[in-house]
C-alpha atoms as a PDB file:
ATOM      1  CA  MET A   1      -0.260  -0.117  -0.189  1.00  0.00           C
ATOM      2  CA  LYS A   2       1.478   3.453  -0.739  1.00  0.00           C
ATOM      3  CA  LYS A   3       2.087   5.430   2.010  1.00  0.00           C
ATOM      4  CA  TYR A   4       0.796   9.083   2.255  1.00  0.00           C
ATOM      5  CA  ASP A   5       1.566  12.161   4.083  1.00  0.00           C
ATOM      6  CA  VAL A   6      -1.968  13.394   4.601  1.00  0.00           C
ATOM      7  CA  TYR A   7      -4.781  11.340   5.311  1.00  0.00           C
ATOM      8  CA  LEU A   8      -8.411  13.090   4.678  1.00  0.00           C
ATOM      9  CA  PHE A   9     -11.122  10.753   5.960  1.00  0.00           C
ATOM     10  CA  ASP A  10     -15.100  10.953   5.314  1.00  0.00           C
ATOM     11  CA  PHE A  11     -16.709  10.303   8.646  1.00  0.00           C
ATOM     12  CA  ASP A  12     -20.038   8.240   8.557  1.00  0.00           C
ATOM     13  CA  GLY A  13     -19.303   4.994   7.438  1.00  0.00           C
ATOM     14  CA  THR A  14     -15.489   5.601   7.576  1.00  0.00           C
ATOM     15  CA  LEU A  15     -14.673   6.544  11.055  1.00  0.00           C
ATOM     16  CA  VAL A  16     -17.756   5.868  12.823  1.00  0.00           C
ATOM     17  CA  ASP A  17     -20.777   3.456  12.507  1.00  0.00           C
ATOM     18  CA  SER A  18     -23.687   6.122  12.284  1.00  0.00           C
ATOM     19  CA  ILE A  19     -26.199   3.813  10.307  1.00  0.00           C
ATOM     20  CA  LYS A  20     -28.723   3.386  12.982  1.00  0.00           C
ATOM     21  CA  SER A  21     -28.697   7.056  14.307  1.00  0.00           C
ATOM     22  CA  LEU A  22     -28.730   8.041  10.194  1.00  0.00           C
ATOM     23  CA  GLU A  23     -31.874   5.780   9.662  1.00  0.00           C
ATOM     24  CA  ASP A  24     -33.704   7.824  12.605  1.00  0.00           C
ATOM     25  CA  ILE A  25     -32.651  11.353  10.938  1.00  0.00           C
ATOM     26  CA  PHE A  26     -33.704  10.650   7.409  1.00  0.00           C
ATOM     27  CA  ILE A  27     -37.108   8.630   8.579  1.00  0.00           C
ATOM     28  CA  LEU A  28     -37.873  11.105  10.941  1.00  0.00           C
ATOM     29  CA  SER A  29     -36.631  13.896   8.631  1.00  0.00           C
ATOM     30  CA  PHE A  30     -38.942  12.758   5.699  1.00  0.00           C
ATOM     31  CA  ARG A  31     -41.706  12.100   7.876  1.00  0.00           C
ATOM     32  CA  ASP A  32     -42.127  15.121   8.729  1.00  0.00           C
ATOM     33  CA  ILE A  33     -42.628  16.487   5.199  1.00  0.00           C
ATOM     34  CA  GLY A  34     -45.105  13.859   4.754  1.00  0.00           C
ATOM     35  CA  VAL A  35     -42.756  11.308   2.532  1.00  0.00           C
ATOM     36  CA  LYS A  36     -42.098   7.807   4.235  1.00  0.00           C
ATOM     37  CA  VAL A  37     -38.857   5.907   3.977  1.00  0.00           C
ATOM     38  CA  LYS A  38     -38.049   2.537   4.442  1.00  0.00           C
ATOM     39  CA  GLU A  39     -35.500   1.347   6.741  1.00  0.00           C
ATOM     40  CA  GLU A  40     -34.007  -0.997   4.665  1.00  0.00           C
ATOM     41  CA  ASP A  41     -33.034   2.043   1.860  1.00  0.00           C
ATOM     42  CA  CYS A  42     -31.443   3.814   4.573  1.00  0.00           C
ATOM     43  CA  LEU A  43     -27.982   2.925   4.104  1.00  0.00           C
ATOM     44  CA  GLN A  44     -27.558   3.567   0.393  1.00  0.00           C
ATOM     45  CA  TYR A  45     -29.154   7.300   1.149  1.00  0.00           C
ATOM     46  CA  THR A  46     -26.151   7.416   3.209  1.00  0.00           C
ATOM     47  CA  ARG A  47     -23.937   6.760   0.705  1.00  0.00           C
ATOM     48  CA  GLN A  48     -25.438   9.286  -1.833  1.00  0.00           C
ATOM     49  CA  PRO A  49     -25.821  13.034  -1.830  1.00  0.00           C
ATOM     50  CA  LEU A  50     -28.719  14.249   0.010  1.00  0.00           C
ATOM     51  CA  GLU A  51     -30.554  16.049  -2.732  1.00  0.00           C
ATOM     52  CA  MET A  52     -30.279  12.993  -4.958  1.00  0.00           C
ATOM     53  CA  THR A  53     -32.486  11.336  -1.867  1.00  0.00           C
ATOM     54  CA  TYR A  54     -34.882  14.054  -1.992  1.00  0.00           C
ATOM     55  CA  LYS A  55     -35.268  13.727  -5.837  1.00  0.00           C
ATOM     56  CA  GLU A  56     -35.431  10.127  -5.649  1.00  0.00           C
ATOM     57  CA  LEU A  57     -38.255  10.007  -3.223  1.00  0.00           C
ATOM     58  CA  HIS A  58     -40.077  12.504  -5.457  1.00  0.00           C
ATOM     59  CA  ALA A  59     -40.055  14.927  -1.732  1.00  0.00           C
ATOM     60  CA  PRO A  60     -42.123  18.428  -2.205  1.00  0.00           C
ATOM     61  CA  MET A  61     -39.864  21.084  -3.675  1.00  0.00           C
ATOM     62  CA  ASP A  62     -41.905  23.720  -1.910  1.00  0.00           C
ATOM     63  CA  LYS A  63     -40.752  21.938   1.881  1.00  0.00           C
ATOM     64  CA  VAL A  64     -36.778  21.636   0.966  1.00  0.00           C
ATOM     65  CA  ASP A  65     -35.903  24.612   3.739  1.00  0.00           C
ATOM     66  CA  TYR A  66     -38.468  23.000   6.432  1.00  0.00           C
ATOM     67  CA  PHE A  67     -36.498  19.587   5.427  1.00  0.00           C
ATOM     68  CA  VAL A  68     -33.053  20.447   6.195  1.00  0.00           C
ATOM     69  CA  GLU A  69     -34.395  22.347   9.124  1.00  0.00           C
ATOM     70  CA  ARG A  70     -35.531  18.999  10.756  1.00  0.00           C
ATOM     71  CA  ILE A  71     -32.359  17.325   9.368  1.00  0.00           C
ATOM     72  CA  ARG A  72     -30.155  20.054  11.563  1.00  0.00           C
ATOM     73  CA  TYR A  73     -32.971  19.270  14.573  1.00  0.00           C
ATOM     74  CA  TYR A  74     -32.503  15.620  14.854  1.00  0.00           C
ATOM     75  CA  LEU A  75     -28.663  15.342  14.221  1.00  0.00           C
ATOM     76  CA  ASP A  76     -28.660  17.480  17.277  1.00  0.00           C
ATOM     77  CA  ASP A  77     -31.086  15.417  19.191  1.00  0.00           C
ATOM     78  CA  LYS A  78     -29.350  12.849  22.283  1.00  0.00           C
ATOM     79  CA  GLU A  79     -30.880  10.123  21.882  1.00  0.00           C
ATOM     80  CA  VAL A  80     -30.321   9.912  18.142  1.00  0.00           C
ATOM     81  CA  LEU A  81     -26.422  10.852  18.754  1.00  0.00           C
ATOM     82  CA  LYS A  82     -26.430   8.088  21.111  1.00  0.00           C
ATOM     83  CA  LYS A  83     -27.014   4.855  18.564  1.00  0.00           C
ATOM     84  CA  THR A  84     -23.781   6.337  16.700  1.00  0.00           C
ATOM     85  CA  GLU A  85     -20.661   3.737  17.464  1.00  0.00           C
ATOM     86  CA  ILE A  86     -17.290   3.743  16.727  1.00  0.00           C
ATOM     87  CA  TYR A  87     -15.032   1.040  15.014  1.00  0.00           C
ATOM     88  CA  ASP A  88     -12.990  -0.986  17.024  1.00  0.00           C
ATOM     89  CA  GLU A  89      -9.773   0.477  14.973  1.00  0.00           C
ATOM     90  CA  THR A  90     -10.892   3.997  14.650  1.00  0.00           C
ATOM     91  CA  ILE A  91      -9.193   5.339  17.988  1.00  0.00           C
ATOM     92  CA  PRO A  92      -5.831   3.119  17.865  1.00  0.00           C
ATOM     93  CA  PHE A  93      -5.461   4.259  13.803  1.00  0.00           C
ATOM     94  CA  LEU A  94      -5.726   7.563  14.707  1.00  0.00           C
ATOM     95  CA  ASN A  95      -3.276   7.323  17.593  1.00  0.00           C
ATOM     96  CA  TYR A  96      -0.917   5.721  15.238  1.00  0.00           C
ATOM     97  CA  LEU A  97      -1.225   8.487  12.987  1.00  0.00           C
ATOM     98  CA  LYS A  98      -0.395  10.879  15.359  1.00  0.00           C
ATOM     99  CA  GLU A  99       2.377   8.820  16.759  1.00  0.00           C
ATOM    100  CA  HIS A 100       3.948   8.708  13.285  1.00  0.00           C
ATOM    101  CA  ASN A 101       3.685  12.413  12.760  1.00  0.00           C
ATOM    102  CA  ILE A 102       1.079  11.783   9.724  1.00  0.00           C
ATOM    103  CA  GLU A 103      -1.601  14.697   8.957  1.00  0.00           C
ATOM    104  CA  PHE A 104      -5.006  13.360   8.997  1.00  0.00           C
ATOM    105  CA  GLY A 105      -8.721  15.735   8.636  1.00  0.00           C
ATOM    106  CA  ILE A 106     -11.985  15.083   8.063  1.00  0.00           C
ATOM    107  CA  VAL A 107     -13.928  15.770   4.888  1.00  0.00           C
ATOM    108  CA  THR A 108     -17.809  15.326   5.279  1.00  0.00           C
ATOM    109  CA  SER A 109     -21.205  15.914   4.133  1.00  0.00           C
ATOM    110  CA  ASN A 110     -22.121  16.107   7.636  1.00  0.00           C
ATOM    111  CA  ASN A 111     -22.837  19.086  10.016  1.00  0.00           C
ATOM    112  CA  LYS A 112     -19.840  19.707  11.813  1.00  0.00           C
ATOM    113  CA  ASN A 113     -21.475  20.402  15.063  1.00  0.00           C
ATOM    114  CA  HIS A 114     -22.862  16.961  14.834  1.00  0.00           C
ATOM    115  CA  VAL A 115     -19.213  15.751  14.051  1.00  0.00           C
ATOM    116  CA  VAL A 116     -17.768  17.280  17.472  1.00  0.00           C
ATOM    117  CA  ASP A 117     -20.303  15.672  19.543  1.00  0.00           C
ATOM    118  CA  VAL A 118     -19.933  12.568  17.899  1.00  0.00           C
ATOM    119  CA  LEU A 119     -16.126  12.879  18.588  1.00  0.00           C
ATOM    120  CA  ASN A 120     -16.972  14.281  22.059  1.00  0.00           C
ATOM    121  CA  LEU A 121     -19.155  11.058  22.617  1.00  0.00           C
ATOM    122  CA  PHE A 122     -16.054   8.999  22.411  1.00  0.00           C
ATOM    123  CA  ASN A 123     -13.613  11.226  24.076  1.00  0.00           C
ATOM    124  CA  ILE A 124     -11.667  12.129  20.936  1.00  0.00           C
ATOM    125  CA  ASP A 125     -10.147  15.799  21.205  1.00  0.00           C
ATOM    126  CA  PRO A 126     -11.650  17.555  17.672  1.00  0.00           C
ATOM    127  CA  ASP A 127      -8.167  19.288  17.667  1.00  0.00           C
ATOM    128  CA  PHE A 128      -6.712  15.913  17.403  1.00  0.00           C
ATOM    129  CA  PHE A 129      -7.439  16.753  13.537  1.00  0.00           C
ATOM    130  CA  THR A 130      -5.743  18.967  10.982  1.00  0.00           C
ATOM    131  CA  ILE A 131      -8.964  20.318   9.586  1.00  0.00           C
ATOM    132  CA  ILE A 132     -12.373  19.166   9.876  1.00  0.00           C
ATOM    133  CA  VAL A 133     -14.724  19.936   6.554  1.00  0.00           C
ATOM    134  CA  ASP A 134     -18.351  20.096   6.718  1.00  0.00           C
ATOM    135  CA  SER A 135     -21.351  21.260   4.331  1.00  0.00           C
ATOM    136  CA  ASP A 136     -21.541  24.740   6.123  1.00  0.00           C
ATOM    137  CA  ASP A 137     -17.441  25.326   4.926  1.00  0.00           C
ATOM    138  CA  GLU A 138     -18.384  24.089   1.614  1.00  0.00           C
ATOM    139  CA  PRO A 139     -21.989  23.974   0.496  1.00  0.00           C
ATOM    140  CA  GLU A 140     -21.359  22.184  -2.563  1.00  0.00           C
ATOM    141  CA  THR A 141     -21.005  18.385  -1.459  1.00  0.00           C
ATOM    142  CA  LYS A 142     -19.609  15.180  -2.932  1.00  0.00           C
ATOM    143  CA  PRO A 143     -19.172  13.912  -5.405  1.00  0.00           C
ATOM    144  CA  SER A 144     -17.990  17.825  -6.045  1.00  0.00           C
ATOM    145  CA  PRO A 145     -14.604  18.191  -5.452  1.00  0.00           C
ATOM    146  CA  LYS A 146     -14.852  21.341  -3.693  1.00  0.00           C
ATOM    147  CA  PRO A 147     -15.000  20.273  -0.140  1.00  0.00           C
ATOM    148  CA  LEU A 148     -11.553  18.449  -0.685  1.00  0.00           C
ATOM    149  CA  GLN A 149     -10.394  21.476  -2.664  1.00  0.00           C
ATOM    150  CA  TYR A 150     -11.195  23.506   0.630  1.00  0.00           C
ATOM    151  CA  ALA A 151      -9.200  21.232   2.624  1.00  0.00           C
ATOM    152  CA  PHE A 152      -6.173  21.576   0.760  1.00  0.00           C
ATOM    153  CA  LYS A 153      -6.192  25.289   1.384  1.00  0.00           C
ATOM    154  CA  HIS A 154      -5.842  24.488   5.293  1.00  0.00           C
ATOM    155  CA  ILE A 155      -2.961  21.979   4.902  1.00  0.00           C
ATOM    156  CA  LYS A 156       0.075  22.923   5.207  1.00  0.00           C
ATOM    157  CA  ASP A 157       2.966  22.472   1.976  1.00  0.00           C
ATOM    158  CA  ALA A 158      -0.142  20.126   0.485  1.00  0.00           C
ATOM    159  CA  ASP A 159       0.980  17.958  -2.214  1.00  0.00           C
ATOM    160  CA  LYS A 160      -2.080  16.067  -4.108  1.00  0.00           C
ATOM    161  CA  LYS A 161       0.596  13.304  -4.633  1.00  0.00           C
ATOM    162  CA  LYS A 162       0.982  12.868  -0.746  1.00  0.00           C
ATOM    163  CA  ILE A 163      -2.690  12.975   0.149  1.00  0.00           C
ATOM    164  CA  ALA A 164      -5.153  10.196  -0.315  1.00  0.00           C
ATOM    165  CA  TYR A 165      -9.008  10.337   0.997  1.00  0.00           C
ATOM    166  CA  VAL A 166     -10.486   7.436   2.623  1.00  0.00           C
ATOM    167  CA  GLY A 167     -14.377   6.829   2.179  1.00  0.00           C
ATOM    168  CA  ASP A 168     -16.941   4.209   2.255  1.00  0.00           C
ATOM    169  CA  ALA A 169     -18.840   5.425  -0.491  1.00  0.00           C
ATOM    170  CA  LEU A 170     -18.872   5.547  -4.457  1.00  0.00           C
ATOM    171  CA  ASN A 171     -19.285   9.386  -3.936  1.00  0.00           C
ATOM    172  CA  ASP A 172     -16.501   9.585  -1.879  1.00  0.00           C
ATOM    173  CA  MET A 173     -14.032   7.949  -4.378  1.00  0.00           C
ATOM    174  CA  ILE A 174     -15.453  10.338  -7.569  1.00  0.00           C
ATOM    175  CA  SER A 175     -14.914  13.482  -5.306  1.00  0.00           C
ATOM    176  CA  ALA A 176     -11.265  12.467  -4.892  1.00  0.00           C
ATOM    177  CA  ASN A 177     -10.664  11.721  -8.689  1.00  0.00           C
ATOM    178  CA  ARG A 178     -12.038  15.165  -9.472  1.00  0.00           C
ATOM    179  CA  ALA A 179      -9.659  16.543  -6.885  1.00  0.00           C
ATOM    180  CA  GLY A 180      -6.595  15.402  -8.191  1.00  0.00           C
ATOM    181  CA  ILE A 181      -5.719  12.871  -5.550  1.00  0.00           C
ATOM    182  CA  ASP A 182      -5.646   9.247  -4.505  1.00  0.00           C
ATOM    183  CA  ALA A 183      -8.883   7.752  -3.290  1.00  0.00           C
ATOM    184  CA  ILE A 184      -9.420   4.815  -1.052  1.00  0.00           C
ATOM    185  CA  LEU A 185     -12.474   2.878  -0.597  1.00  0.00           C
ATOM    186  CA  ILE A 186     -12.986   1.167   2.682  1.00  0.00           C
ATOM    187  CA  ASP A 187     -14.941  -1.630   2.563  1.00  0.00           C
ATOM    188  CA  ARG A 188     -15.306  -3.485   5.520  1.00  0.00           C
ATOM    189  CA  VAL A 189     -18.012  -6.246   4.519  1.00  0.00           C
ATOM    190  CA  GLY A 190     -17.183  -6.524   0.918  1.00  0.00           C
ATOM    191  CA  ALA A 191     -20.055  -4.707  -0.504  1.00  0.00           C
ATOM    192  CA  PHE A 192     -18.598  -2.948  -3.232  1.00  0.00           C
ATOM    193  CA  LYS A 193     -17.690  -5.987  -5.412  1.00  0.00           C
ATOM    194  CA  GLU A 194     -18.163  -4.103  -8.848  1.00  0.00           C
ATOM    195  CA  ALA A 195     -15.587  -1.386  -7.772  1.00  0.00           C
ATOM    196  CA  ASP A 196     -12.884  -3.220  -8.855  1.00  0.00           C
ATOM    197  CA  ASN A 197     -11.383   0.111 -10.218  1.00  0.00           C
ATOM    198  CA  TYR A 198     -10.488   1.647  -6.888  1.00  0.00           C
ATOM    199  CA  VAL A 199      -8.242   0.872  -3.987  1.00  0.00           C
ATOM    200  CA  LYS A 200     -10.200  -1.145  -1.607  1.00  0.00           C
ATOM    201  CA  ILE A 201      -9.201  -1.733   1.908  1.00  0.00           C
ATOM    202  CA  ARG A 202     -11.033  -3.810   4.660  1.00  0.00           C
ATOM    203  CA  SER A 203      -9.288  -1.992   7.626  1.00  0.00           C
ATOM    204  CA  LEU A 204      -8.157   1.456   8.499  1.00  0.00           C
ATOM    205  CA  PHE A 205      -4.634   0.003   9.783  1.00  0.00           C
ATOM    206  CA  ASP A 206      -4.732  -1.383   5.802  1.00  0.00           C
ATOM    207  CA  LEU A 207      -3.698   1.964   5.088  1.00  0.00           C
ATOM    208  CA  VAL A 208      -0.186   2.055   6.951  1.00  0.00           C
ATOM    209  CA  LYS A 209       0.775  -1.859   5.830  1.00  0.00           C
END
């Protein structure tokens, strides 16, 4: 595996297992605008832009702003937050990177306040990361390259050849490719058998083997 000076990570499904909490957020937020969402479809929805899901479900366009408000409301719900879990490897791996002076950050379509709340839930100092980029920093979300390009501006002496983006969705891979950096797909359960054109790993520690 090629080694990098900087690792940028997607958050949900990459560093934390948030599918149970995101299921609630999707189901409740869409319910509030009169749209029914099936629990079994939520995993796919977490792996694509929210606006794509909104269109696929034929949600009312006149309720977009209210829907976004509901998403943010449920993201801040403490009971929903408690359903987030962390992968066993995440904290040891981040400690490994820190001990070896390797920079790392988060680039997510999620809300930064929620990300910080989740990190605090697991006693991870948000300042541990070089940067955390969220949808407020760059409203144009993945698969656009702009969130990653925003991150580049805050990485000292950034050389794209030495930066990798690690994510659990094809949108993450497309975003990295468009931004001109290497894309690494973390596929813990072998869900992406068709994605052979991407470098795939099963564990974060595969990055440093």
